[in-house]
Structures are given as C-alpha cells and as structure tokens.
C-alpha cells in the first residue's frame, strides 16, 4: 500500500472517530441540559440510609446517658434527648442490654438502615445508629411530643384535648403510617407492637408511629406486648411471630382505646367491648367524657365496626391496613 493511501485511510479514520466523539459530547450536553439544575433550597427529597455514629459521640450528646435526659422508657429500652456536635437535637433509644445480648448475632446496622427508609408524615424518621460492646443505639428525629397514651390515660387535659374530630384524625394518621410500612416499602416493614405508647402526637395532633420493626428484639417479652398482639402470636407454630394481620389487631385495640378512653388492660378491653359492639350497644363503649354530635353517631358506629373486624376476626379474615385506612380517611372527611 502506497504512503498516500495510508495517509488518506488514517485521515478518514481520525475524522470518523472525531465525529463520533463530537456526537457523544453533544448527546451528553443535551441530557445534562434536560436534567433540572437544583438549588440547595430546591433539592428533591432523597432519603439517605441511617448514619453510623460513634458511641463516644452519642455518650457525649446525652451527657453520659444522664437520667435527667430521659424522656421515655419502654419494654425495649430507654429514650434520651441528645444534642449532637452539630447542635441538632435528636432522640436516642438505648436498647436494653438483655435484648442486645440475646440478639447478638443479627445485623443491627443493616436492620436500622432498612428501617430508616421509612419516610412518611405519620412515621417518626430514624436517622442513625451506634454500636459498641453490649450497646445498641437508635438515633431518631426529636419530635418533642407526648404519646397518645399520655393524652388518653395520663393527662388531666386528655378529654378536652382529644375531642371526637381529633380522635378520628389520630386514628386515620396511625392507619396511614402503618399502611406506608406495610405497602409503601419493599420489603414491607412489620411494626410488631402497635399501641398508644408507640404513637406520638405533634403540636397539631398529627399522629406519628414510632418503634416500628423492633419487636423481634423482645419477642418473648410479654410485658407491654400482651393485649396488643393477637392470640396467634403466642400459639402459632414457631410462635412469637408478628405479621401484617397482627399489626391490624394492635391497631384495632388502639381504636377501642380511642373510643372508650380505657386502657387495654392486657386485652380485657377487647373482651369487654366486642360483645357491646356486636349487639350495637356502641354508646356504652364510648368514653363518657367524649361529646359526639348526634349527626356523627353513624360515623361512631362505623368506627366501632372497624375496630370489631380488626380484633374480632382471625388473621386470615382481618382487613388489610390499607382497607382500614381508606375507611378512616372517609370518616375524617365527614367529621
């Protein structure tokens, strides 16, 4: 092949490659221009996995887990207010050491990262975790809120504050939060212990579900669990297994507490209320401190019937939380 032919061939190849590269550059520019430029104020909401905090930093943020910082105690652990080095206030849940030891082999960090993907207006966000020998810590957004248990059973202002519209709103909010856990995530999250202590209220009385996905830590611990899980939880083959239907049962118990103002009483509320609701004696279930307008009585009966199907049926016959949530949304609109 002559030198002239080689030069011509080389020039053609170079020109072709240059054209291809130029075309690729043009395509990339077009794609980038079509993608919106986002300012810091207008960033889309992107959920990051929970952050891993050093235990020494959590210890410092809680003043060495100072008892004066305790804002709650539950069957799984103690919750403290904490101020991080950034100045942000958070809530820190310190898991009971007994449950840490009995669940030493499971992947705590992987679990919390999975739980932190739950994002919904009716769910308390998990933002971080920390691990050390004998220590498991969960870091949550600090809501500065009291629980539904406080307003229903421990506050003298409970009755005036929790009027009929607010109770309906709370019930609907809890259902929507659980619906997000069950249907809005893949894989779905099971709460495992739906009860008033695990429902927080903000200043507008919006319900926020907390402590979801953690019940397995103390699956055999009856304290604080009896009455809020169904009978199948204790007797089913394999035992101690929470599921979506079990969460629906717990939600039904919460509805009975909202209706009656009574405590669960380790399940006694179900035994007391179900015969009355089945006999359509719903007014006998109603909290005597609660005033319900006459035109709202049909909605009261409907809510009682929702509670009935949640706690009065076996697991396979219970409605899904999505079905329950749809009914409650409609009741809120009518209130």
Protein backbone atom coordinates (compact mmCIF):
# COMPACT_ATOMS: atom_id res chain seq x y z
CA UNK A 1 0.00 0.00 0.00
CA UNK A 2 1.38 3.40 -1.02
CA UNK A 3 2.10 6.12 1.58
CA UNK A 4 -0.61 8.32 0.03
CA UNK A 5 -3.26 5.63 0.51
CA UNK A 6 -2.14 5.05 4.12
CA UNK A 7 -2.38 8.79 4.87
CA UNK A 8 -5.84 9.03 3.32
CA UNK A 9 -7.07 5.99 5.29
CA UNK A 10 -5.62 7.39 8.52
CA UNK A 11 -7.28 10.78 7.95
CA UNK A 12 -10.64 9.10 7.29
CA UNK A 13 -10.42 7.04 10.50
CA UNK A 14 -9.42 10.07 12.55
CA UNK A 15 -12.26 12.11 11.06
CA UNK A 16 -14.76 9.32 11.77
CA UNK A 17 -13.64 8.92 15.35
CA UNK A 18 -13.75 12.69 15.86
CA UNK A 19 -17.31 12.85 14.52
CA UNK A 20 -18.42 10.02 16.80
CA UNK A 21 -16.82 11.67 19.84
CA UNK A 22 -18.38 15.01 18.95
CA UNK A 23 -21.78 13.37 18.60
CA UNK A 24 -21.40 11.73 22.03
CA UNK A 25 -20.43 15.07 23.58
CA UNK A 26 -23.48 16.74 22.03
CA UNK A 27 -25.78 13.97 23.34
CA UNK A 28 -24.33 14.29 26.85
CA UNK A 29 -24.78 18.06 26.80
CA UNK A 30 -28.42 17.68 25.75
CA UNK A 31 -29.06 15.13 28.52
CA UNK A 32 -27.43 17.36 31.13
CA UNK A 33 -29.44 20.38 29.98
CA UNK A 34 -32.68 18.42 30.24
CA UNK A 35 -31.86 17.46 33.83
CA UNK A 36 -33.04 20.33 36.06
CA UNK A 37 -30.44 22.32 37.94
CA UNK A 38 -31.32 22.13 41.60
CA UNK A 39 -30.54 24.78 44.10
CA UNK A 40 -29.82 23.95 47.72
CA UNK A 41 -33.26 25.24 48.63
CA UNK A 42 -35.00 23.13 45.99
CA UNK A 43 -33.27 19.80 46.28
CA UNK A 44 -35.54 16.82 45.75
CA UNK A 45 -36.14 14.73 48.85
CA UNK A 46 -33.62 11.91 48.73
CA UNK A 47 -33.58 9.54 51.65
CA UNK A 48 -30.12 8.57 52.79
CA UNK A 49 -29.50 5.47 54.87
CA UNK A 50 -29.12 5.91 58.58
CA UNK A 51 -25.77 7.34 59.63
CA UNK A 52 -23.34 5.39 61.82
CA UNK A 53 -22.45 7.47 64.89
CA UNK A 54 -19.52 6.73 67.16
CA UNK A 55 -20.73 5.52 70.54
CA UNK A 56 -18.46 8.02 72.30
CA UNK A 57 -20.25 10.83 70.43
CA UNK A 58 -23.67 9.53 71.49
CA UNK A 59 -22.47 9.24 75.05
CA UNK A 60 -21.28 12.85 74.96
CA UNK A 61 -24.53 14.00 73.33
CA UNK A 62 -26.56 12.52 76.20
CA UNK A 63 -24.21 13.72 78.97
CA UNK A 64 -23.24 10.15 79.68
CA UNK A 65 -26.87 8.98 79.44
CA UNK A 66 -27.83 11.35 82.20
CA UNK A 67 -31.14 10.30 83.84
CA UNK A 68 -32.32 13.91 83.55
CA UNK A 69 -32.34 13.47 79.79
CA UNK A 70 -34.75 10.52 79.87
CA UNK A 71 -37.98 11.25 78.00
CA UNK A 72 -39.39 7.76 77.81
CA UNK A 73 -39.00 4.17 78.93
CA UNK A 74 -40.41 1.17 77.14
CA UNK A 75 -40.09 -2.58 77.12
CA UNK A 76 -37.20 -2.46 74.63
CA UNK A 77 -35.16 0.38 76.09
CA UNK A 78 -34.86 3.96 77.30
CA UNK A 79 -35.15 7.13 75.20
CA UNK A 80 -33.00 10.20 75.87
CA UNK A 81 -32.80 13.66 74.41
CA UNK A 82 -29.39 14.30 72.89
CA UNK A 83 -27.59 17.28 71.39
CA UNK A 84 -25.14 16.32 68.67
CA UNK A 85 -21.89 18.14 67.99
CA UNK A 86 -23.70 19.90 65.12
CA UNK A 87 -26.11 21.42 67.64
CA UNK A 88 -29.03 19.32 66.38
CA UNK A 89 -31.33 17.82 69.00
CA UNK A 90 -32.27 14.19 68.47
CA UNK A 91 -33.91 11.36 70.38
CA UNK A 92 -31.67 8.43 71.30
CA UNK A 93 -33.08 4.99 72.11
CA UNK A 94 -30.72 2.82 74.14
CA UNK A 95 -31.72 -0.81 73.73
CA UNK A 96 -32.00 -2.86 76.92
CA UNK A 97 -28.68 -4.75 77.37
CA UNK A 98 -30.57 -8.03 77.90
CA UNK A 99 -32.03 -7.77 74.41
CA UNK A 100 -28.63 -6.81 72.99
CA UNK A 101 -27.09 -9.99 74.39
CA UNK A 102 -29.98 -12.25 73.36
CA UNK A 103 -29.80 -10.92 69.78
CA UNK A 104 -26.03 -10.70 69.50
CA UNK A 105 -25.83 -12.43 66.12
CA UNK A 106 -28.16 -10.32 64.00
CA UNK A 107 -27.06 -7.47 61.74
CA UNK A 108 -28.12 -4.40 63.72
CA UNK A 109 -26.68 -1.84 61.30
CA UNK A 110 -28.35 -3.47 58.28
CA UNK A 111 -31.68 -3.56 60.10
CA UNK A 112 -31.57 0.11 61.09
CA UNK A 113 -30.55 1.16 57.59
CA UNK A 114 -33.57 -0.71 56.30
CA UNK A 115 -35.89 0.86 58.89
CA UNK A 116 -34.53 4.33 58.06
CA UNK A 117 -36.00 4.06 54.56
CA UNK A 118 -39.48 4.52 56.05
CA UNK A 119 -40.47 8.10 55.25
CA UNK A 120 -44.00 9.32 55.78
CA UNK A 121 -45.71 12.22 57.59
CA UNK A 122 -47.16 9.70 60.06
CA UNK A 123 -43.89 7.87 60.81
CA UNK A 124 -41.07 9.04 63.09
CA UNK A 125 -37.87 9.04 60.99
CA UNK A 126 -34.79 7.05 62.03
CA UNK A 127 -31.63 8.97 61.18
CA UNK A 128 -28.81 6.95 62.68
CA UNK A 129 -27.46 4.23 64.91
CA UNK A 130 -24.46 3.36 67.04
CA UNK A 131 -22.88 0.10 68.18
CA UNK A 132 -20.42 -0.83 70.91
CA UNK A 133 -19.81 -3.85 73.11
CA UNK A 134 -23.13 -4.54 74.82
CA UNK A 135 -24.65 -1.37 73.33
CA UNK A 136 -27.13 -0.80 70.51
CA UNK A 137 -28.37 2.75 69.92
CA UNK A 138 -31.05 4.10 67.58
CA UNK A 139 -31.00 7.81 66.70
CA UNK A 140 -34.34 9.36 65.71
CA UNK A 141 -35.61 12.80 64.85
CA UNK A 142 -36.61 14.62 68.02
CA UNK A 143 -40.30 15.38 67.87
CA UNK A 144 -40.74 16.96 71.30
CA UNK A 145 -44.07 15.21 71.52
CA UNK A 146 -46.15 13.32 74.05
CA UNK A 147 -47.58 9.91 73.24
CA UNK A 148 -51.21 9.03 72.64
CA UNK A 149 -51.01 7.04 75.88
CA UNK A 150 -50.20 10.25 77.75
CA UNK A 151 -53.17 12.16 76.36
CA UNK A 152 -55.62 9.26 76.70
CA UNK A 153 -54.65 7.90 80.09
CA UNK A 154 -52.24 10.13 82.00
CA UNK A 155 -53.15 13.76 81.29
CA UNK A 156 -55.97 15.54 83.10
CA UNK A 157 -56.37 17.54 79.89
CA UNK A 158 -56.79 14.39 77.80
CA UNK A 159 -60.55 14.57 77.40
CA UNK A 160 -60.82 18.24 76.36
CA UNK A 161 -57.84 17.95 74.01
CA UNK A 162 -58.85 14.68 72.38
CA UNK A 163 -62.28 15.57 71.11
CA UNK A 164 -64.11 13.46 68.52
CA UNK A 165 -62.59 15.04 65.36
CA UNK A 166 -59.08 14.75 66.80
CA UNK A 167 -59.56 11.11 67.73
CA UNK A 168 -60.72 10.38 64.19
CA UNK A 169 -57.74 12.27 62.80
CA UNK A 170 -55.34 10.36 65.06
CA UNK A 171 -56.86 7.01 64.06
CA UNK A 172 -56.58 7.88 60.37
CA UNK A 173 -53.00 9.11 60.77
CA UNK A 174 -51.89 5.93 62.52
CA UNK A 175 -53.54 3.82 59.82
CA UNK A 176 -51.75 5.80 57.10
CA UNK A 177 -48.41 5.40 58.86
CA UNK A 178 -48.91 1.64 59.14
CA UNK A 179 -50.08 1.48 55.56
CA UNK A 180 -46.79 3.06 54.49
CA UNK A 181 -44.84 0.46 56.48
CA UNK A 182 -46.89 -2.43 55.07
CA UNK A 183 -47.47 -1.34 51.49
CA UNK A 184 -45.13 1.55 50.70
CA UNK A 185 -41.83 -0.23 51.25
CA UNK A 186 -40.16 -3.25 49.68
CA UNK A 187 -39.78 -5.45 51.59
CA UNK A 188 -42.63 -4.34 53.84
CA UNK A 189 -41.98 -3.47 57.48
CA UNK A 190 -43.96 -5.02 60.30
CA UNK A 191 -44.40 -2.83 63.34
CA UNK A 192 -44.88 -5.66 65.81
CA UNK A 193 -46.32 -3.70 68.73
CA UNK A 194 -48.94 -1.14 67.73
CA UNK A 195 -50.10 0.61 70.91
CA UNK A 196 -50.68 4.17 72.23
CA UNK A 197 -47.17 4.38 73.74
CA UNK A 198 -45.75 3.96 70.24
CA UNK A 199 -47.85 6.74 68.74
CA UNK A 200 -46.56 10.28 69.20
CA UNK A 201 -48.56 13.48 68.80
CA UNK A 202 -47.16 16.71 67.38
CA UNK A 203 -48.44 20.18 68.23
CA UNK A 204 -51.24 19.81 65.66
CA UNK A 205 -52.17 16.37 66.97
CA UNK A 206 -50.85 14.60 63.90
CA UNK A 207 -50.04 11.01 64.80
CA UNK A 208 -46.51 9.67 64.23
CA UNK A 209 -45.80 5.95 64.54
CA UNK A 210 -42.52 5.02 66.24
CA UNK A 211 -40.66 1.88 67.39
CA UNK A 212 -41.54 0.01 64.20
CA UNK A 213 -39.67 -3.11 63.16
CA UNK A 214 -38.07 -3.73 66.56
CA UNK A 215 -40.45 -6.11 68.31
CA UNK A 216 -38.34 -9.17 67.48
CA UNK A 217 -35.71 -7.91 69.94
CA UNK A 218 -38.01 -8.86 72.81
CA UNK A 219 -40.32 -11.25 71.00
CA UNK A 220 -40.91 -13.39 74.11
CA UNK A 221 -41.15 -10.44 76.50
CA UNK A 222 -44.82 -10.34 77.50
CA UNK A 223 -44.63 -7.07 79.41
CA UNK A 224 -46.06 -4.30 77.26
CA UNK A 225 -47.00 -6.71 74.47
CA UNK A 226 -49.88 -8.74 75.90
CA UNK A 227 -53.18 -7.34 74.68
CA UNK A 228 -51.70 -5.60 71.64
CA UNK A 229 -50.88 -8.76 69.68
CA UNK A 230 -53.36 -11.44 68.66
CA UNK A 231 -53.66 -14.89 70.21
CA UNK A 232 -52.00 -16.42 67.15
CA UNK A 233 -48.81 -14.59 68.08
CA UNK A 234 -48.41 -16.78 71.16
CA UNK A 235 -49.76 -20.12 69.93
CA UNK A 236 -48.97 -20.28 66.21
CA UNK A 237 -46.47 -22.91 65.15
CA UNK A 238 -43.00 -21.43 65.54
CA UNK A 239 -44.50 -18.85 67.91
CA UNK A 240 -43.77 -15.20 68.61
CA UNK A 241 -44.27 -14.07 65.02
CA UNK A 242 -45.64 -10.66 64.21
CA UNK A 243 -47.14 -10.04 60.79
CA UNK A 244 -49.34 -7.52 58.98
CA UNK A 245 -52.51 -9.06 60.41
CA UNK A 246 -51.02 -8.85 63.90
CA UNK A 247 -50.40 -5.12 63.37
CA UNK A 248 -54.04 -4.72 62.28
CA UNK A 249 -55.11 -6.38 65.54
CA UNK A 250 -53.00 -3.96 67.57
CA UNK A 251 -54.48 -1.06 65.63
CA UNK A 252 -57.97 -2.34 66.44
CA UNK A 253 -57.09 -2.27 70.14
CA UNK A 254 -55.90 1.33 69.73
CA UNK A 255 -59.26 2.17 68.13
CA UNK A 256 -61.04 0.70 71.15
CA UNK A 257 -58.91 2.83 73.47
CA UNK A 258 -59.69 5.94 71.40
CA UNK A 259 -63.40 5.13 71.50
CA UNK A 260 -63.66 4.25 75.17
CA UNK A 261 -60.83 6.15 76.85
CA UNK A 262 -59.99 2.90 78.66
CA UNK A 263 -56.63 1.18 78.89
CA UNK A 264 -56.01 -2.10 77.11
CA UNK A 265 -55.77 -4.00 80.39
CA UNK A 266 -53.76 -6.84 78.84
CA UNK A 267 -56.59 -7.47 76.39
CA UNK A 268 -59.53 -7.04 78.75
CA UNK A 269 -60.75 -4.10 76.68
CA UNK A 270 -61.38 -6.48 73.76
CA UNK A 271 -63.35 -8.91 75.91
CA UNK A 272 -65.43 -6.03 77.28
CA UNK A 273 -66.05 -4.08 74.07
CA UNK A 274 -66.67 -6.77 71.43
CA UNK A 275 -70.00 -8.05 72.84
CA UNK A 276 -71.28 -4.50 73.16
CA UNK A 277 -70.34 -3.60 69.58
CA UNK A 278 -71.79 -6.83 68.21
CA UNK A 279 -75.07 -6.04 69.99
CA UNK A 280 -74.96 -2.49 68.55
CA UNK A 281 -74.66 -1.00 72.06
CA UNK A 282 -71.89 1.26 70.82
CA UNK A 283 -72.80 4.19 73.08
CA UNK A 284 -71.94 2.00 76.08
CA UNK A 285 -68.41 1.71 74.69
CA UNK A 286 -67.99 5.45 74.19
CA UNK A 287 -65.76 7.46 76.53
CA UNK A 288 -68.22 9.19 78.91
CA UNK A 289 -66.07 12.33 78.77
CA UNK A 290 -66.43 12.49 74.99
CA UNK A 291 -69.18 14.53 73.36
CA UNK A 292 -70.13 13.30 69.88
CA UNK A 293 -72.66 15.35 67.87
CA UNK A 294 -75.87 13.49 67.03
CA UNK A 295 -75.18 13.69 63.29
CA UNK A 296 -71.82 11.97 63.90
CA UNK A 297 -73.35 8.92 65.61
CA UNK A 298 -73.38 6.88 62.35
CA UNK A 299 -69.63 7.54 62.00
CA UNK A 300 -69.12 6.46 65.59
CA UNK A 301 -70.88 3.17 64.84
CA UNK A 302 -68.81 2.74 61.69
CA UNK A 303 -65.55 3.27 63.57
CA UNK A 304 -66.62 0.77 66.21
CA UNK A 305 -67.34 -1.77 63.47
CA UNK A 306 -63.87 -1.19 62.03
CA UNK A 307 -62.40 -1.94 65.44
CA UNK A 308 -64.59 -5.05 65.61
CA UNK A 309 -63.31 -6.54 62.34
CA UNK A 310 -59.71 -5.72 63.32
CA UNK A 311 -59.80 -7.58 66.64
CA UNK A 312 -62.75 -9.93 66.24
CA UNK A 313 -61.50 -11.97 63.30
CA UNK A 314 -58.71 -14.49 62.79
CA UNK A 315 -55.61 -13.41 60.91
CA UNK A 316 -56.83 -14.69 57.54
CA UNK A 317 -60.15 -12.84 57.87
CA UNK A 318 -58.89 -9.45 59.00
CA UNK A 319 -58.90 -6.50 56.60
CA UNK A 320 -55.60 -5.07 55.41
CA UNK A 321 -54.46 -1.82 56.95
CA UNK A 322 -54.90 -0.22 53.51
CA UNK A 323 -58.62 -1.11 53.56
CA UNK A 324 -58.95 0.22 57.10
CA UNK A 325 -57.08 3.40 56.18
CA UNK A 326 -59.44 4.09 53.25
CA UNK A 327 -62.49 3.87 55.55
CA UNK A 328 -60.93 6.17 58.16
CA UNK A 329 -59.97 8.77 55.56
CA UNK A 330 -63.62 8.87 54.53
CA UNK A 331 -64.74 9.26 58.15
CA UNK A 332 -62.33 12.17 58.66
CA UNK A 333 -63.76 13.91 55.59
CA UNK A 334 -67.28 13.55 57.01
CA UNK A 335 -66.36 14.77 60.51
